[in-house]
Amino acid sequence: MHNVSTVELTRDCEAVQIPVGNTVTLPAGTSVDITQTLGGTYTVHAMGGLFRIASKDVDALGLETVADSAPKSKVEGPVSEQAVWEVLKTCYDPEIPVNIVDLGLVYDLAIEPTPAGHSRVSVKMTLTAPGCGMGGVIARDAQEKLLMLDGVESAEVDIVWDPPWHQSMISAEGRRILGLE
């Protein structure tokens, strides 16, 4: 979503302050501008700052809960690499309207079989800036969505800094969305 809409919070709402990553409570009655609704989370501008609201709290925005944004695979046994990439494409930096894959933040993906016949997924990703406090939030979002895939027994998402991220890592689709081409 790229259109801004203003709503009043219907109840106290947990939010993550952007870019520092602190968890805060926005009080009921706070006027918020919804600036981005991608990947099942909501970025809002309120009280002079940006905040990320999780899908579990969408009712506080006066909106109805939408179906989970992570695609569900229908696999018995190990998960496919394609399914993992599709799920990672549902994860967004709350300040940038491009998913973490097209933004060039995912550096490595490994899928290993487990003794139970399922999969262990390991992802190495970076951030657009080393000082970004949202890294843990974005990595946790990716991990939670990976764990929802059928066939995934465990998932680990690590943040790495080598090589440093730069704009040339953005995919053609990401560049188009950002108006860089």
N, C-alpha and C. Protein backbone atom coordinates (compact mmCIF):
# COMPACT_ATOMS: atom_id res chain seq x y z
N MET A 1 0.84 -1.17 0.00
CA MET A 1 0.00 0.00 0.00
C MET A 1 0.88 1.23 0.00
N HIS A 2 0.59 2.17 -0.86
CA HIS A 2 1.37 3.40 -0.94
C HIS A 2 0.53 4.62 -0.62
N ASN A 3 -0.80 4.48 -0.49
CA ASN A 3 -1.66 5.59 -0.13
C ASN A 3 -1.69 5.71 1.39
N VAL A 4 -1.64 6.92 1.88
CA VAL A 4 -1.69 7.15 3.31
C VAL A 4 -3.15 7.31 3.74
N SER A 5 -3.53 6.60 4.79
CA SER A 5 -4.86 6.79 5.36
C SER A 5 -4.69 7.03 6.86
N THR A 6 -5.56 7.86 7.41
CA THR A 6 -5.48 8.21 8.82
C THR A 6 -6.60 7.52 9.58
N VAL A 7 -6.23 6.88 10.69
CA VAL A 7 -7.21 6.23 11.56
C VAL A 7 -6.87 6.56 13.01
N GLU A 8 -7.80 6.29 13.90
CA GLU A 8 -7.57 6.46 15.33
C GLU A 8 -7.52 5.08 15.95
N LEU A 9 -6.50 4.82 16.78
CA LEU A 9 -6.38 3.51 17.41
C LEU A 9 -7.58 3.26 18.32
N THR A 10 -8.18 2.08 18.18
CA THR A 10 -9.37 1.74 18.95
C THR A 10 -9.03 1.17 20.32
N ARG A 11 -7.77 0.81 20.52
CA ARG A 11 -7.31 0.27 21.81
C ARG A 11 -5.81 0.51 21.91
N ASP A 12 -5.24 0.33 23.10
CA ASP A 12 -3.80 0.39 23.25
C ASP A 12 -3.20 -0.66 22.32
N CYS A 13 -2.07 -0.33 21.73
CA CYS A 13 -1.50 -1.20 20.71
C CYS A 13 0.02 -1.27 20.84
N GLU A 14 0.53 -2.48 20.88
CA GLU A 14 1.98 -2.69 20.88
C GLU A 14 2.51 -2.35 19.49
N ALA A 15 3.66 -1.66 19.46
CA ALA A 15 4.28 -1.28 18.19
C ALA A 15 5.79 -1.29 18.37
N VAL A 16 6.51 -1.36 17.26
CA VAL A 16 7.96 -1.29 17.29
C VAL A 16 8.37 0.04 16.68
N GLN A 17 9.15 0.79 17.43
CA GLN A 17 9.60 2.11 16.99
C GLN A 17 10.67 1.95 15.91
N ILE A 18 10.46 2.64 14.79
CA ILE A 18 11.38 2.58 13.65
C ILE A 18 12.25 3.84 13.67
N PRO A 19 13.54 3.78 13.49
CA PRO A 19 14.37 2.63 13.15
C PRO A 19 15.06 1.97 14.34
N VAL A 20 14.79 2.41 15.57
CA VAL A 20 15.56 1.90 16.71
C VAL A 20 15.18 0.50 17.16
N GLY A 21 13.93 0.06 16.89
CA GLY A 21 13.53 -1.30 17.23
C GLY A 21 12.99 -1.48 18.63
N ASN A 22 12.73 -0.40 19.36
CA ASN A 22 12.16 -0.51 20.71
C ASN A 22 10.68 -0.82 20.63
N THR A 23 10.21 -1.68 21.54
CA THR A 23 8.79 -1.97 21.63
C THR A 23 8.14 -0.93 22.54
N VAL A 24 7.04 -0.35 22.06
CA VAL A 24 6.31 0.67 22.80
C VAL A 24 4.82 0.35 22.74
N THR A 25 4.05 1.05 23.54
CA THR A 25 2.59 0.93 23.47
C THR A 25 2.03 2.27 23.01
N LEU A 26 1.32 2.23 21.89
CA LEU A 26 0.62 3.43 21.41
C LEU A 26 -0.76 3.41 22.07
N PRO A 27 -1.15 4.51 22.73
CA PRO A 27 -2.43 4.51 23.46
C PRO A 27 -3.66 4.59 22.56
N ALA A 28 -4.74 4.03 23.04
CA ALA A 28 -6.03 4.13 22.35
C ALA A 28 -6.33 5.60 22.12
N GLY A 29 -6.92 5.90 20.96
CA GLY A 29 -7.26 7.27 20.62
C GLY A 29 -6.18 8.00 19.86
N THR A 30 -4.98 7.40 19.75
CA THR A 30 -3.89 8.04 19.00
C THR A 30 -4.24 8.05 17.52
N SER A 31 -4.08 9.20 16.89
CA SER A 31 -4.28 9.32 15.44
C SER A 31 -3.01 8.83 14.75
N VAL A 32 -3.15 7.89 13.82
CA VAL A 32 -2.00 7.35 13.09
C VAL A 32 -2.25 7.43 11.59
N ASP A 33 -1.20 7.71 10.85
CA ASP A 33 -1.24 7.66 9.39
C ASP A 33 -0.64 6.33 8.97
N ILE A 34 -1.43 5.48 8.32
CA ILE A 34 -0.93 4.19 7.83
C ILE A 34 -0.18 4.48 6.53
N THR A 35 1.12 4.23 6.52
CA THR A 35 1.93 4.57 5.35
C THR A 35 2.33 3.37 4.51
N GLN A 36 2.30 2.17 5.10
CA GLN A 36 2.68 0.97 4.35
C GLN A 36 1.99 -0.24 4.96
N THR A 37 1.43 -1.09 4.09
CA THR A 37 0.81 -2.34 4.54
C THR A 37 1.30 -3.46 3.64
N LEU A 38 2.47 -3.96 3.95
CA LEU A 38 3.06 -5.01 3.13
C LEU A 38 3.52 -6.16 4.02
N GLY A 39 3.35 -7.38 3.52
CA GLY A 39 3.84 -8.54 4.25
C GLY A 39 3.09 -8.84 5.53
N GLY A 40 1.87 -8.28 5.67
CA GLY A 40 1.08 -8.56 6.85
C GLY A 40 1.37 -7.64 8.03
N THR A 41 2.24 -6.66 7.85
CA THR A 41 2.51 -5.69 8.91
C THR A 41 2.13 -4.30 8.44
N TYR A 42 2.04 -3.38 9.38
CA TYR A 42 1.58 -2.03 9.09
C TYR A 42 2.61 -1.03 9.60
N THR A 43 3.03 -0.11 8.74
CA THR A 43 3.90 0.98 9.15
C THR A 43 3.02 2.20 9.32
N VAL A 44 3.13 2.82 10.50
CA VAL A 44 2.30 4.00 10.78
C VAL A 44 3.17 5.16 11.23
N HIS A 45 2.70 6.35 10.94
CA HIS A 45 3.33 7.57 11.43
C HIS A 45 2.43 8.11 12.53
N ALA A 46 3.02 8.31 13.71
CA ALA A 46 2.24 8.82 14.84
C ALA A 46 3.19 9.50 15.83
N MET A 47 2.71 10.49 16.50
CA MET A 47 3.47 11.14 17.56
C MET A 47 4.88 11.53 17.09
N GLY A 48 5.00 11.95 15.83
CA GLY A 48 6.27 12.41 15.31
C GLY A 48 7.25 11.33 14.89
N GLY A 49 6.83 10.08 14.85
CA GLY A 49 7.75 9.01 14.47
C GLY A 49 7.06 7.91 13.70
N LEU A 50 7.86 6.93 13.26
CA LEU A 50 7.34 5.77 12.55
C LEU A 50 7.30 4.57 13.48
N PHE A 51 6.27 3.72 13.30
CA PHE A 51 6.10 2.53 14.11
C PHE A 51 5.63 1.40 13.22
N ARG A 52 6.00 0.17 13.60
CA ARG A 52 5.55 -1.03 12.90
C ARG A 52 4.56 -1.74 13.79
N ILE A 53 3.38 -2.02 13.24
CA ILE A 53 2.34 -2.73 13.97
C ILE A 53 2.19 -4.11 13.34
N ALA A 54 2.22 -5.15 14.17
CA ALA A 54 2.12 -6.53 13.69
C ALA A 54 0.68 -6.85 13.28
N SER A 55 0.55 -7.86 12.45
CA SER A 55 -0.78 -8.25 11.96
C SER A 55 -1.71 -8.66 13.09
N LYS A 56 -1.17 -9.16 14.19
CA LYS A 56 -2.02 -9.57 15.32
C LYS A 56 -2.75 -8.39 15.95
N ASP A 57 -2.29 -7.16 15.66
CA ASP A 57 -2.89 -5.97 16.24
C ASP A 57 -3.65 -5.12 15.23
N VAL A 58 -3.99 -5.69 14.09
CA VAL A 58 -4.67 -4.94 13.03
C VAL A 58 -6.02 -4.40 13.50
N ASP A 59 -6.66 -5.10 14.43
CA ASP A 59 -7.96 -4.63 14.92
C ASP A 59 -7.83 -3.26 15.62
N ALA A 60 -6.67 -2.96 16.20
CA ALA A 60 -6.47 -1.66 16.86
C ALA A 60 -6.51 -0.52 15.85
N LEU A 61 -6.24 -0.85 14.58
CA LEU A 61 -6.31 0.14 13.50
C LEU A 61 -7.73 0.27 12.95
N GLY A 62 -8.65 -0.54 13.49
CA GLY A 62 -10.02 -0.52 13.00
C GLY A 62 -10.18 -1.29 11.71
N LEU A 63 -9.21 -2.15 11.42
CA LEU A 63 -9.23 -2.95 10.19
C LEU A 63 -9.50 -4.40 10.53
N GLU A 64 -9.96 -5.14 9.56
CA GLU A 64 -10.18 -6.57 9.76
C GLU A 64 -8.90 -7.31 9.48
N THR A 65 -8.69 -8.40 10.21
CA THR A 65 -7.52 -9.23 9.99
C THR A 65 -7.60 -9.83 8.60
N VAL A 66 -6.49 -9.73 7.88
CA VAL A 66 -6.43 -10.32 6.55
C VAL A 66 -5.80 -11.69 6.66
N ALA A 67 -6.03 -12.51 5.66
CA ALA A 67 -5.42 -13.84 5.63
C ALA A 67 -3.92 -13.71 5.71
N ASP A 68 -3.28 -14.68 6.32
CA ASP A 68 -1.83 -14.67 6.47
C ASP A 68 -1.18 -14.42 5.12
N SER A 69 -0.20 -13.52 5.09
CA SER A 69 0.44 -13.15 3.84
C SER A 69 1.48 -14.15 3.39
N ALA A 70 1.86 -15.07 4.25
CA ALA A 70 2.86 -16.07 3.87
C ALA A 70 2.19 -17.18 3.10
N PRO A 71 2.69 -17.46 1.88
CA PRO A 71 2.08 -18.54 1.11
C PRO A 71 2.25 -19.88 1.82
N LYS A 72 1.25 -20.70 1.77
CA LYS A 72 1.32 -22.02 2.38
C LYS A 72 1.68 -23.05 1.32
N SER A 73 2.66 -23.86 1.64
CA SER A 73 3.00 -24.94 0.74
C SER A 73 2.15 -26.15 1.14
N LYS A 74 1.98 -27.06 0.25
CA LYS A 74 1.24 -28.28 0.56
C LYS A 74 2.18 -29.46 0.31
N VAL A 75 3.20 -29.55 1.17
CA VAL A 75 4.23 -30.57 0.96
C VAL A 75 4.27 -31.53 2.14
N GLU A 76 4.44 -32.76 1.84
CA GLU A 76 4.75 -33.75 2.87
C GLU A 76 6.25 -33.95 2.76
N GLY A 77 6.93 -33.88 3.88
CA GLY A 77 8.38 -34.06 3.86
C GLY A 77 9.09 -32.73 3.71
N PRO A 78 10.26 -32.73 3.05
CA PRO A 78 11.07 -31.51 2.96
C PRO A 78 10.37 -30.38 2.19
N VAL A 79 10.76 -29.17 2.50
CA VAL A 79 10.22 -27.99 1.84
C VAL A 79 11.03 -27.72 0.57
N SER A 80 10.41 -27.12 -0.42
CA SER A 80 11.12 -26.78 -1.66
C SER A 80 11.81 -25.43 -1.51
N GLU A 81 12.90 -25.25 -2.23
CA GLU A 81 13.62 -23.98 -2.21
C GLU A 81 12.71 -22.87 -2.73
N GLN A 82 11.91 -23.16 -3.74
CA GLN A 82 11.00 -22.16 -4.30
C GLN A 82 10.02 -21.66 -3.23
N ALA A 83 9.48 -22.57 -2.40
CA ALA A 83 8.55 -22.17 -1.35
C ALA A 83 9.23 -21.26 -0.34
N VAL A 84 10.50 -21.55 -0.02
CA VAL A 84 11.23 -20.71 0.93
C VAL A 84 11.44 -19.32 0.35
N TRP A 85 11.85 -19.23 -0.92
CA TRP A 85 12.03 -17.92 -1.55
C TRP A 85 10.72 -17.13 -1.59
N GLU A 86 9.62 -17.83 -1.89
CA GLU A 86 8.31 -17.16 -1.93
C GLU A 86 7.96 -16.57 -0.57
N VAL A 87 8.23 -17.30 0.51
CA VAL A 87 7.93 -16.79 1.85
C VAL A 87 8.83 -15.60 2.17
N LEU A 88 10.10 -15.68 1.83
CA LEU A 88 11.00 -14.56 2.10
C LEU A 88 10.56 -13.30 1.36
N LYS A 89 9.91 -13.48 0.22
CA LYS A 89 9.41 -12.33 -0.54
C LYS A 89 8.18 -11.69 0.10
N THR A 90 7.70 -12.25 1.22
CA THR A 90 6.60 -11.63 1.95
C THR A 90 7.12 -10.84 3.16
N CYS A 91 8.43 -10.71 3.27
CA CYS A 91 9.04 -9.98 4.39
C CYS A 91 9.56 -8.63 3.88
N TYR A 92 9.25 -7.58 4.64
CA TYR A 92 9.58 -6.22 4.21
C TYR A 92 10.27 -5.45 5.31
N ASP A 93 11.17 -4.56 4.89
CA ASP A 93 11.68 -3.53 5.77
C ASP A 93 10.51 -2.56 5.93
N PRO A 94 10.16 -2.16 7.15
CA PRO A 94 8.97 -1.32 7.31
C PRO A 94 9.08 0.08 6.72
N GLU A 95 10.27 0.47 6.30
CA GLU A 95 10.45 1.80 5.70
C GLU A 95 10.56 1.77 4.18
N ILE A 96 10.69 0.57 3.62
CA ILE A 96 10.96 0.44 2.19
C ILE A 96 9.93 -0.51 1.57
N PRO A 97 9.22 -0.10 0.53
CA PRO A 97 8.16 -0.94 -0.04
C PRO A 97 8.66 -2.02 -1.01
N VAL A 98 9.80 -2.63 -0.66
CA VAL A 98 10.36 -3.71 -1.48
C VAL A 98 10.70 -4.85 -0.53
N ASN A 99 10.37 -6.09 -0.93
CA ASN A 99 10.64 -7.23 -0.05
C ASN A 99 12.15 -7.45 0.11
N ILE A 100 12.52 -8.21 1.13
CA ILE A 100 13.94 -8.38 1.45
C ILE A 100 14.72 -9.12 0.37
N VAL A 101 14.06 -9.94 -0.42
CA VAL A 101 14.74 -10.65 -1.51
C VAL A 101 15.06 -9.67 -2.63
N ASP A 102 14.06 -8.93 -3.10
CA ASP A 102 14.28 -7.97 -4.19
C ASP A 102 15.13 -6.79 -3.75
N LEU A 103 15.18 -6.53 -2.46
CA LEU A 103 16.05 -5.47 -1.94
C LEU A 103 17.51 -5.92 -1.92
N GLY A 104 17.73 -7.22 -2.10
CA GLY A 104 19.09 -7.76 -2.12
C GLY A 104 19.66 -8.02 -0.75
N LEU A 105 18.78 -8.19 0.24
CA LEU A 105 19.25 -8.39 1.61
C LEU A 105 19.54 -9.84 1.95
N VAL A 106 19.01 -10.79 1.18
CA VAL A 106 19.24 -12.21 1.47
C VAL A 106 20.50 -12.66 0.73
N TYR A 107 21.51 -13.02 1.51
CA TYR A 107 22.80 -13.41 0.94
C TYR A 107 22.95 -14.91 0.74
N ASP A 108 22.30 -15.71 1.59
CA ASP A 108 22.50 -17.15 1.50
C ASP A 108 21.26 -17.86 2.02
N LEU A 109 20.96 -18.98 1.40
CA LEU A 109 19.83 -19.81 1.79
C LEU A 109 20.28 -21.26 1.71
N ALA A 110 20.09 -21.99 2.80
CA ALA A 110 20.45 -23.41 2.82
C ALA A 110 19.29 -24.20 3.40
N ILE A 111 19.01 -25.33 2.78
CA ILE A 111 17.96 -26.23 3.26
C ILE A 111 18.60 -27.59 3.49
N GLU A 112 18.48 -28.09 4.71
CA GLU A 112 19.06 -29.39 5.06
C GLU A 112 17.95 -30.31 5.55
N PRO A 113 18.05 -31.60 5.20
CA PRO A 113 17.05 -32.54 5.70
C PRO A 113 17.25 -32.80 7.20
N THR A 114 16.17 -33.07 7.90
CA THR A 114 16.24 -33.44 9.31
C THR A 114 15.98 -34.94 9.44
N PRO A 115 16.36 -35.54 10.55
CA PRO A 115 16.09 -36.98 10.73
C PRO A 115 14.60 -37.33 10.63
N ALA A 116 13.73 -36.37 10.95
CA ALA A 116 12.28 -36.62 10.89
C ALA A 116 11.73 -36.54 9.46
N GLY A 117 12.61 -36.24 8.48
CA GLY A 117 12.16 -36.15 7.10
C GLY A 117 11.66 -34.79 6.68
N HIS A 118 11.88 -33.79 7.50
CA HIS A 118 11.47 -32.43 7.18
C HIS A 118 12.71 -31.62 6.80
N SER A 119 12.65 -30.30 7.00
CA SER A 119 13.76 -29.44 6.60
C SER A 119 14.18 -28.48 7.70
N ARG A 120 15.47 -28.20 7.72
CA ARG A 120 16.05 -27.14 8.54
C ARG A 120 16.47 -26.06 7.54
N VAL A 121 15.94 -24.85 7.71
CA VAL A 121 16.23 -23.75 6.79
C VAL A 121 17.14 -22.75 7.49
N SER A 122 18.23 -22.39 6.81
CA SER A 122 19.16 -21.38 7.33
C SER A 122 19.27 -20.25 6.31
N VAL A 123 19.10 -19.02 6.80
CA VAL A 123 19.17 -17.85 5.93
C VAL A 123 20.19 -16.89 6.52
N LYS A 124 21.01 -16.32 5.64
CA LYS A 124 21.90 -15.24 6.03
C LYS A 124 21.43 -14.02 5.27
N MET A 125 21.19 -12.96 6.03
CA MET A 125 20.71 -11.73 5.42
C MET A 125 21.45 -10.54 6.03
N THR A 126 21.34 -9.42 5.37
CA THR A 126 21.94 -8.20 5.87
C THR A 126 20.87 -7.12 5.95
N LEU A 127 21.28 -5.92 6.26
CA LEU A 127 20.38 -4.77 6.32
C LEU A 127 20.96 -3.67 5.45
N THR A 128 20.13 -2.70 5.13
CA THR A 128 20.61 -1.60 4.28
C THR A 128 21.59 -0.71 5.02
N ALA A 129 21.55 -0.72 6.36
CA ALA A 129 22.47 0.10 7.16
C ALA A 129 22.84 -0.66 8.43
N PRO A 130 24.12 -0.71 8.77
CA PRO A 130 24.54 -1.45 9.97
C PRO A 130 23.91 -0.96 11.27
N GLY A 131 23.55 0.28 11.38
CA GLY A 131 22.97 0.81 12.60
C GLY A 131 21.48 0.62 12.74
N CYS A 132 20.84 -0.03 11.79
CA CYS A 132 19.39 -0.19 11.80
C CYS A 132 18.95 -1.07 12.97
N GLY A 133 18.12 -0.54 13.83
CA GLY A 133 17.62 -1.28 14.97
C GLY A 133 16.52 -2.26 14.63
N MET A 134 16.06 -2.25 13.39
CA MET A 134 14.97 -3.13 12.96
C MET A 134 15.45 -4.50 12.51
N GLY A 135 16.76 -4.72 12.50
CA GLY A 135 17.30 -5.99 12.02
C GLY A 135 16.70 -7.20 12.69
N GLY A 136 16.65 -7.18 14.02
CA GLY A 136 16.08 -8.31 14.74
C GLY A 136 14.61 -8.51 14.43
N VAL A 137 13.88 -7.42 14.24
CA VAL A 137 12.45 -7.49 13.93
C VAL A 137 12.25 -8.13 12.55
N ILE A 138 13.02 -7.68 11.57
CA ILE A 138 12.90 -8.22 10.21
C ILE A 138 13.31 -9.68 10.18
N ALA A 139 14.42 -10.02 10.84
CA ALA A 139 14.89 -11.41 10.87
C ALA A 139 13.87 -12.31 11.57
N ARG A 140 13.28 -11.84 12.66
CA ARG A 140 12.27 -12.63 13.38
C ARG A 140 11.03 -12.83 12.52
N ASP A 141 10.63 -11.81 11.78
CA ASP A 141 9.49 -11.91 10.86
C ASP A 141 9.76 -13.01 9.83
N ALA A 142 10.96 -12.99 9.25
CA ALA A 142 11.32 -14.01 8.26
C ALA A 142 11.32 -15.40 8.89
N GLN A 143 11.89 -15.53 10.08
CA GLN A 143 11.94 -16.82 10.75
C GLN A 143 10.54 -17.35 11.05
N GLU A 144 9.68 -16.49 11.58
CA GLU A 144 8.31 -16.92 11.91
C GLU A 144 7.56 -17.39 10.66
N LYS A 145 7.73 -16.68 9.56
CA LYS A 145 7.05 -17.07 8.32
C LYS A 145 7.61 -18.37 7.77
N LEU A 146 8.92 -18.57 7.88
CA LEU A 146 9.52 -19.83 7.42
C LEU A 146 9.00 -21.00 8.25
N LEU A 147 8.87 -20.81 9.55
CA LEU A 147 8.39 -21.88 10.43
C LEU A 147 6.94 -22.25 10.16
N MET A 148 6.19 -21.40 9.49
CA MET A 148 4.80 -21.69 9.15
C MET A 148 4.69 -22.58 7.91
N LEU A 149 5.77 -22.71 7.15
CA LEU A 149 5.73 -23.55 5.95
C LEU A 149 5.66 -25.02 6.33
N ASP A 150 4.78 -25.76 5.64
CA ASP A 150 4.75 -27.20 5.82
C ASP A 150 6.13 -27.76 5.45
N GLY A 151 6.61 -28.69 6.23
CA GLY A 151 7.89 -29.32 5.93
C GLY A 151 9.07 -28.66 6.62
N VAL A 152 8.88 -27.47 7.21
CA VAL A 152 9.99 -26.80 7.89
C VAL A 152 9.92 -27.14 9.38
N GLU A 153 10.95 -27.82 9.84
CA GLU A 153 11.04 -28.21 11.25
C GLU A 153 11.72 -27.12 12.08
N SER A 154 12.73 -26.49 11.50
CA SER A 154 13.41 -25.40 12.20
C SER A 154 13.91 -24.39 11.17
N ALA A 155 14.05 -23.15 11.63
CA ALA A 155 14.51 -22.08 10.74
C ALA A 155 15.39 -21.14 11.55
N GLU A 156 16.47 -20.72 10.93
CA GLU A 156 17.40 -19.79 11.55
C GLU A 156 17.69 -18.68 10.56
N VAL A 157 17.58 -17.43 11.01
CA VAL A 157 17.87 -16.28 10.16
C VAL A 157 18.93 -15.46 10.88
N ASP A 158 20.12 -15.41 10.29
CA ASP A 158 21.24 -14.67 10.88
C ASP A 158 21.50 -13.41 10.08
N ILE A 159 21.83 -12.34 10.79
CA ILE A 159 22.20 -11.09 10.14
C ILE A 159 23.72 -11.05 10.03
N VAL A 160 24.18 -10.80 8.80
CA VAL A 160 25.62 -10.73 8.52
C VAL A 160 25.91 -9.38 7.87
N TRP A 161 27.19 -8.99 7.88
CA TRP A 161 27.56 -7.67 7.36
C TRP A 161 28.56 -7.75 6.22
N ASP A 162 28.93 -8.96 5.82
CA ASP A 162 29.91 -9.11 4.76
C ASP A 162 29.31 -9.94 3.64
N PRO A 163 29.25 -9.41 2.44
CA PRO A 163 29.74 -8.10 2.03
C PRO A 163 28.74 -7.01 2.44
N PRO A 164 29.23 -5.77 2.57
CA PRO A 164 28.31 -4.68 2.89
C PRO A 164 27.27 -4.51 1.78
N TRP A 165 26.02 -4.23 2.17
CA TRP A 165 24.95 -4.04 1.20
C TRP A 165 25.15 -2.70 0.48
N HIS A 166 24.78 -2.68 -0.80
CA HIS A 166 24.74 -1.43 -1.57
C HIS A 166 23.63 -1.55 -2.61
N GLN A 167 23.24 -0.41 -3.17
CA GLN A 167 22.08 -0.36 -4.07
C GLN A 167 22.18 -1.26 -5.29
N SER A 168 23.38 -1.60 -5.71
CA SER A 168 23.51 -2.47 -6.88
C SER A 168 22.97 -3.87 -6.62
N MET A 169 22.70 -4.22 -5.37
CA MET A 169 22.17 -5.54 -5.01
C MET A 169 20.66 -5.63 -5.19
N ILE A 170 20.00 -4.50 -5.42
CA ILE A 170 18.56 -4.48 -5.61
C ILE A 170 18.22 -5.10 -6.96
N SER A 171 17.23 -5.98 -6.99
CA SER A 171 16.81 -6.63 -8.23
C SER A 171 16.17 -5.61 -9.18
N ALA A 172 15.99 -6.03 -10.42
CA ALA A 172 15.34 -5.16 -11.41
C ALA A 172 13.93 -4.78 -10.95
N GLU A 173 13.21 -5.75 -10.37
CA GLU A 173 11.85 -5.47 -9.87
C GLU A 173 11.90 -4.46 -8.73
N GLY A 174 12.84 -4.64 -7.82
CA GLY A 174 12.99 -3.70 -6.71
C GLY A 174 13.33 -2.31 -7.19
N ARG A 175 14.20 -2.22 -8.18
CA ARG A 175 14.60 -0.92 -8.73
C ARG A 175 13.39 -0.24 -9.39
N ARG A 176 12.55 -1.05 -10.05
CA ARG A 176 11.36 -0.49 -10.68
C ARG A 176 10.41 0.08 -9.62
N ILE A 177 10.18 -0.68 -8.54
CA ILE A 177 9.27 -0.23 -7.48
C ILE A 177 9.78 1.05 -6.83
N LEU A 178 11.09 1.15 -6.66
CA LEU A 178 11.69 2.32 -6.02
C LEU A 178 11.90 3.49 -6.97
N GLY A 179 11.62 3.26 -8.27
CA GLY A 179 11.79 4.33 -9.26
C GLY A 179 13.26 4.64 -9.55
N LEU A 180 14.12 3.64 -9.42
CA LEU A 180 15.55 3.83 -9.65
C LEU A 180 15.94 3.59 -11.10
N GLU A 181 15.00 3.14 -11.91
CA GLU A 181 15.32 2.90 -13.34
C GLU A 181 14.33 3.60 -14.22
